[in-house]
C-alpha cells in the first residue's frame, strides 16, 4: 500500500467516490424497479454532492421518491428538484389561428 493511501490520501478519496457512485446507481435501480417505476427522475453526482431532478405524476409519488432518496443517500449532500406534473384539465378551449 502506498503511504498516501494508508494516510487517507488519494486512495480514500477514490474509494469514497466509488461508494457514492454505487449508492446513486442503487437509488436509480430502486426508483425504476419498485412500486414507483419512476423513470422520469434523474440522479447524478455533481461537484461532490448528489443532484436528484425530474417530474413525477403526483404529490404522493414525489413524497415516495424523496423518502427513497433519503433512505439510499443518508449521510450525503443531496439537492433535490423533483416537481409534480400539472395534470389538471384545461379550464378553457385553446384558440388556434
N, C-alpha and C. Protein backbone atom coordinates (compact mmCIF):
# COMPACT_ATOMS: atom_id res chain seq x y z
N UNK A 1 0.84 -1.18 0.00
CA UNK A 1 0.00 0.00 0.00
C UNK A 1 0.88 1.23 0.00
N UNK A 2 0.55 2.21 -0.81
CA UNK A 2 1.31 3.45 -0.85
C UNK A 2 1.00 4.30 0.37
N UNK A 3 1.94 5.12 0.83
CA UNK A 3 1.71 5.94 2.03
C UNK A 3 0.49 6.85 1.89
N UNK A 4 0.27 7.42 0.72
CA UNK A 4 -0.87 8.34 0.55
C UNK A 4 -2.19 7.60 0.78
N UNK A 5 -2.26 6.35 0.33
CA UNK A 5 -3.49 5.59 0.52
C UNK A 5 -3.68 5.24 1.99
N UNK A 6 -2.61 4.85 2.64
CA UNK A 6 -2.69 4.46 4.04
C UNK A 6 -3.09 5.63 4.92
N UNK A 7 -2.62 6.82 4.58
CA UNK A 7 -2.90 8.01 5.39
C UNK A 7 -4.24 8.65 5.05
N UNK A 8 -5.03 8.02 4.17
CA UNK A 8 -6.32 8.59 3.83
C UNK A 8 -6.22 9.58 2.69
N UNK A 9 -5.21 9.45 1.86
CA UNK A 9 -4.99 10.37 0.74
C UNK A 9 -5.86 10.04 -0.45
N UNK A 10 -5.26 10.03 -1.63
CA UNK A 10 -5.99 9.87 -2.89
C UNK A 10 -6.76 8.55 -2.94
N UNK A 11 -6.20 7.48 -2.39
CA UNK A 11 -6.89 6.20 -2.42
C UNK A 11 -8.22 6.25 -1.70
N UNK A 12 -8.27 6.92 -0.57
CA UNK A 12 -9.52 7.04 0.18
C UNK A 12 -10.54 7.88 -0.58
N UNK A 13 -10.08 8.93 -1.23
CA UNK A 13 -10.99 9.78 -2.00
C UNK A 13 -11.58 8.99 -3.16
N UNK A 14 -10.77 8.17 -3.83
CA UNK A 14 -11.27 7.35 -4.93
C UNK A 14 -12.30 6.35 -4.42
N UNK A 15 -12.03 5.74 -3.27
CA UNK A 15 -12.97 4.77 -2.69
C UNK A 15 -14.28 5.46 -2.32
N UNK A 16 -14.19 6.65 -1.74
CA UNK A 16 -15.39 7.39 -1.35
C UNK A 16 -16.22 7.73 -2.59
N UNK A 17 -15.57 8.13 -3.67
CA UNK A 17 -16.28 8.46 -4.91
C UNK A 17 -16.96 7.22 -5.47
N UNK A 18 -16.27 6.09 -5.45
CA UNK A 18 -16.86 4.84 -5.93
C UNK A 18 -18.08 4.47 -5.08
N UNK A 19 -17.99 4.67 -3.77
CA UNK A 19 -19.10 4.37 -2.88
C UNK A 19 -20.31 5.24 -3.20
N UNK A 20 -20.09 6.53 -3.46
CA UNK A 20 -21.19 7.43 -3.81
C UNK A 20 -21.81 6.99 -5.13
N UNK A 21 -20.98 6.68 -6.12
CA UNK A 21 -21.49 6.23 -7.41
C UNK A 21 -22.31 4.95 -7.26
N UNK A 22 -21.84 4.04 -6.44
CA UNK A 22 -22.56 2.80 -6.19
C UNK A 22 -23.92 3.09 -5.56
N UNK A 23 -23.95 3.97 -4.56
CA UNK A 23 -25.20 4.30 -3.88
C UNK A 23 -26.18 4.99 -4.83
N UNK A 24 -25.67 5.86 -5.70
CA UNK A 24 -26.53 6.53 -6.68
C UNK A 24 -27.09 5.51 -7.68
N UNK A 25 -26.26 4.58 -8.12
CA UNK A 25 -26.72 3.53 -9.04
C UNK A 25 -27.80 2.68 -8.38
N UNK A 26 -27.62 2.38 -7.10
CA UNK A 26 -28.62 1.59 -6.37
C UNK A 26 -29.93 2.38 -6.25
N UNK A 27 -29.83 3.68 -6.01
CA UNK A 27 -31.03 4.53 -5.96
C UNK A 27 -31.75 4.49 -7.30
N UNK A 28 -31.02 4.63 -8.40
CA UNK A 28 -31.64 4.58 -9.73
C UNK A 28 -32.38 3.25 -9.93
N UNK A 29 -31.75 2.15 -9.51
CA UNK A 29 -32.38 0.83 -9.65
C UNK A 29 -33.68 0.78 -8.85
N UNK A 30 -33.65 1.28 -7.62
CA UNK A 30 -34.87 1.26 -6.79
C UNK A 30 -35.97 2.11 -7.39
N UNK A 31 -35.63 3.28 -7.90
CA UNK A 31 -36.64 4.16 -8.47
C UNK A 31 -37.29 3.52 -9.70
N UNK A 32 -36.51 2.79 -10.47
CA UNK A 32 -37.03 2.17 -11.70
C UNK A 32 -37.77 0.87 -11.43
N UNK A 33 -37.37 0.12 -10.41
CA UNK A 33 -37.87 -1.25 -10.24
C UNK A 33 -39.00 -1.39 -9.23
N UNK A 34 -39.01 -0.58 -8.21
CA UNK A 34 -40.01 -0.78 -7.16
C UNK A 34 -41.38 -0.29 -7.59
N UNK A 35 -42.27 -0.13 -6.63
CA UNK A 35 -43.64 0.27 -6.94
C UNK A 35 -43.71 1.58 -7.70
N UNK A 36 -42.67 2.37 -7.62
CA UNK A 36 -42.66 3.65 -8.32
C UNK A 36 -42.60 3.47 -9.83
N UNK A 37 -41.68 2.63 -10.30
CA UNK A 37 -41.45 2.51 -11.73
C UNK A 37 -41.15 3.88 -12.32
N UNK A 38 -40.47 4.72 -11.56
CA UNK A 38 -40.29 6.11 -11.93
C UNK A 38 -39.02 6.32 -12.74
N UNK A 39 -39.19 6.50 -14.04
CA UNK A 39 -38.05 6.71 -14.92
C UNK A 39 -37.86 8.19 -15.26
N UNK A 40 -38.75 9.05 -14.78
CA UNK A 40 -38.65 10.47 -15.06
C UNK A 40 -37.79 11.22 -14.06
N UNK A 41 -37.11 10.50 -13.20
CA UNK A 41 -36.26 11.11 -12.18
C UNK A 41 -34.82 10.73 -12.44
N UNK A 42 -33.94 11.73 -12.42
CA UNK A 42 -32.50 11.50 -12.64
C UNK A 42 -31.74 11.77 -11.36
N UNK A 43 -30.69 10.98 -11.14
CA UNK A 43 -29.80 11.20 -10.01
C UNK A 43 -28.37 11.16 -10.54
N UNK A 44 -27.62 12.21 -10.26
CA UNK A 44 -26.23 12.26 -10.71
C UNK A 44 -25.36 12.96 -9.68
N UNK A 45 -24.07 12.62 -9.73
CA UNK A 45 -23.10 13.22 -8.82
C UNK A 45 -22.53 14.45 -9.52
N UNK A 46 -22.61 15.59 -8.82
CA UNK A 46 -22.07 16.85 -9.35
C UNK A 46 -21.35 17.58 -8.23
N UNK A 47 -20.12 17.91 -8.46
CA UNK A 47 -19.33 18.74 -7.54
C UNK A 47 -19.42 18.26 -6.08
N UNK A 48 -19.29 16.97 -5.89
CA UNK A 48 -19.24 16.43 -4.55
C UNK A 48 -20.58 16.21 -3.87
N UNK A 49 -21.68 16.47 -4.56
CA UNK A 49 -22.99 16.18 -3.98
C UNK A 49 -23.84 15.46 -5.02
N UNK A 50 -24.97 14.95 -4.58
CA UNK A 50 -25.88 14.23 -5.47
C UNK A 50 -27.05 15.15 -5.79
N UNK A 51 -27.35 15.25 -7.08
CA UNK A 51 -28.46 16.08 -7.54
C UNK A 51 -29.54 15.15 -8.08
N UNK A 52 -30.76 15.28 -7.54
CA UNK A 52 -31.89 14.47 -7.97
C UNK A 52 -32.92 15.42 -8.58
N UNK A 53 -33.24 15.20 -9.86
CA UNK A 53 -34.18 16.07 -10.56
C UNK A 53 -35.20 15.25 -11.33
N UNK A 54 -36.31 15.88 -11.66
CA UNK A 54 -37.29 15.22 -12.50
C UNK A 54 -38.71 15.66 -12.22
N UNK A 55 -39.62 15.05 -12.96
CA UNK A 55 -41.04 15.33 -12.84
C UNK A 55 -41.79 14.04 -12.56
N UNK A 56 -42.70 14.09 -11.60
CA UNK A 56 -43.49 12.93 -11.22
C UNK A 56 -44.97 13.26 -11.37
N UNK A 57 -45.84 12.23 -11.46
CA UNK A 57 -47.25 12.47 -11.73
C UNK A 57 -48.10 12.93 -10.55
N UNK A 58 -47.62 12.75 -9.32
CA UNK A 58 -48.47 13.11 -8.17
C UNK A 58 -47.61 13.50 -6.97
N UNK A 59 -48.27 14.17 -6.02
CA UNK A 59 -47.61 14.54 -4.77
C UNK A 59 -47.19 13.31 -4.00
N UNK A 60 -48.04 12.28 -3.98
CA UNK A 60 -47.71 11.04 -3.29
C UNK A 60 -46.46 10.40 -3.89
N UNK A 61 -46.36 10.40 -5.21
CA UNK A 61 -45.19 9.84 -5.88
C UNK A 61 -43.94 10.65 -5.52
N UNK A 62 -44.08 11.98 -5.46
CA UNK A 62 -42.95 12.83 -5.10
C UNK A 62 -42.47 12.50 -3.68
N UNK A 63 -43.40 12.35 -2.75
CA UNK A 63 -43.03 12.01 -1.38
C UNK A 63 -42.33 10.65 -1.31
N UNK A 64 -42.81 9.70 -2.09
CA UNK A 64 -42.18 8.38 -2.12
C UNK A 64 -40.77 8.46 -2.69
N UNK A 65 -40.59 9.24 -3.74
CA UNK A 65 -39.26 9.43 -4.33
C UNK A 65 -38.33 10.07 -3.30
N UNK A 66 -38.78 11.12 -2.64
CA UNK A 66 -37.93 11.80 -1.66
C UNK A 66 -37.59 10.89 -0.48
N UNK A 67 -38.54 10.08 -0.04
CA UNK A 67 -38.27 9.13 1.04
C UNK A 67 -37.21 8.12 0.60
N UNK A 68 -37.34 7.61 -0.62
CA UNK A 68 -36.37 6.65 -1.14
C UNK A 68 -34.99 7.28 -1.25
N UNK A 69 -34.92 8.52 -1.70
CA UNK A 69 -33.64 9.24 -1.79
C UNK A 69 -33.02 9.36 -0.41
N UNK A 70 -33.82 9.74 0.60
CA UNK A 70 -33.28 9.86 1.97
C UNK A 70 -32.75 8.53 2.48
N UNK A 71 -33.48 7.44 2.20
CA UNK A 71 -33.05 6.11 2.66
C UNK A 71 -31.74 5.70 2.01
N UNK A 72 -31.63 5.87 0.72
CA UNK A 72 -30.46 5.40 -0.02
C UNK A 72 -29.24 6.29 0.14
N UNK A 73 -29.44 7.58 0.32
CA UNK A 73 -28.32 8.51 0.29
C UNK A 73 -28.10 9.22 1.63
N UNK A 74 -28.55 8.62 2.73
CA UNK A 74 -28.36 9.26 4.03
C UNK A 74 -26.87 9.49 4.27
N UNK A 75 -26.58 10.65 4.84
CA UNK A 75 -25.20 11.00 5.13
C UNK A 75 -24.48 11.70 3.98
N UNK A 76 -25.12 11.82 2.82
CA UNK A 76 -24.51 12.50 1.68
C UNK A 76 -25.19 13.86 1.48
N UNK A 77 -24.47 14.77 0.85
CA UNK A 77 -25.06 16.05 0.47
C UNK A 77 -25.94 15.81 -0.75
N UNK A 78 -27.25 16.08 -0.60
CA UNK A 78 -28.21 15.82 -1.68
C UNK A 78 -29.02 17.08 -1.94
N UNK A 79 -29.17 17.41 -3.22
CA UNK A 79 -30.02 18.53 -3.64
C UNK A 79 -31.12 17.94 -4.51
N UNK A 80 -32.38 18.25 -4.18
CA UNK A 80 -33.49 17.70 -4.95
C UNK A 80 -34.29 18.80 -5.62
N UNK A 81 -34.73 18.51 -6.82
CA UNK A 81 -35.63 19.37 -7.57
C UNK A 81 -36.60 18.46 -8.31
N UNK A 82 -37.50 17.86 -7.54
CA UNK A 82 -38.49 16.93 -8.09
C UNK A 82 -39.84 17.63 -8.03
N UNK A 83 -40.45 17.83 -9.19
CA UNK A 83 -41.70 18.58 -9.26
C UNK A 83 -42.85 17.67 -9.70
N UNK A 84 -44.06 18.09 -9.37
CA UNK A 84 -45.27 17.35 -9.73
C UNK A 84 -45.80 17.93 -11.03
N UNK A 85 -46.08 17.05 -11.99
CA UNK A 85 -46.63 17.48 -13.27
C UNK A 85 -48.03 18.03 -13.08
N UNK A 86 -48.36 19.03 -13.85
CA UNK A 86 -49.71 19.60 -13.82
C UNK A 86 -50.61 18.70 -14.65
N UNK A 87 -51.54 18.01 -13.98
CA UNK A 87 -52.43 17.06 -14.66
C UNK A 87 -53.87 17.54 -14.75
N UNK A 88 -54.11 18.78 -14.38
CA UNK A 88 -55.47 19.29 -14.39
C UNK A 88 -55.94 19.53 -15.82
N UNK A 89 -57.23 19.38 -16.02
CA UNK A 89 -57.82 19.67 -17.33
C UNK A 89 -57.76 21.17 -17.60
N UNK A 90 -57.62 21.54 -18.86
CA UNK A 90 -57.62 22.99 -19.15
C UNK A 90 -58.97 23.61 -18.77
N UNK A 91 -58.91 24.85 -18.32
CA UNK A 91 -60.14 25.50 -17.91
C UNK A 91 -60.82 26.26 -19.04
N UNK A 92 -60.20 26.27 -20.23
CA UNK A 92 -60.81 26.92 -21.39
C UNK A 92 -60.32 26.24 -22.68
N UNK A 93 -61.05 26.45 -23.74
CA UNK A 93 -60.68 25.86 -25.02
C UNK A 93 -59.48 26.61 -25.61
N UNK A 94 -58.66 25.87 -26.32
CA UNK A 94 -57.50 26.50 -26.95
C UNK A 94 -57.94 27.13 -28.27
N UNK A 95 -57.58 28.39 -28.47
CA UNK A 95 -57.92 29.11 -29.71
C UNK A 95 -56.75 28.99 -30.68
N UNK A 96 -57.01 28.38 -31.81
CA UNK A 96 -55.98 28.25 -32.84
C UNK A 96 -56.25 29.22 -33.97
N UNK A 97 -55.21 29.81 -34.54
CA UNK A 97 -55.40 30.78 -35.63
C UNK A 97 -55.87 30.11 -36.91
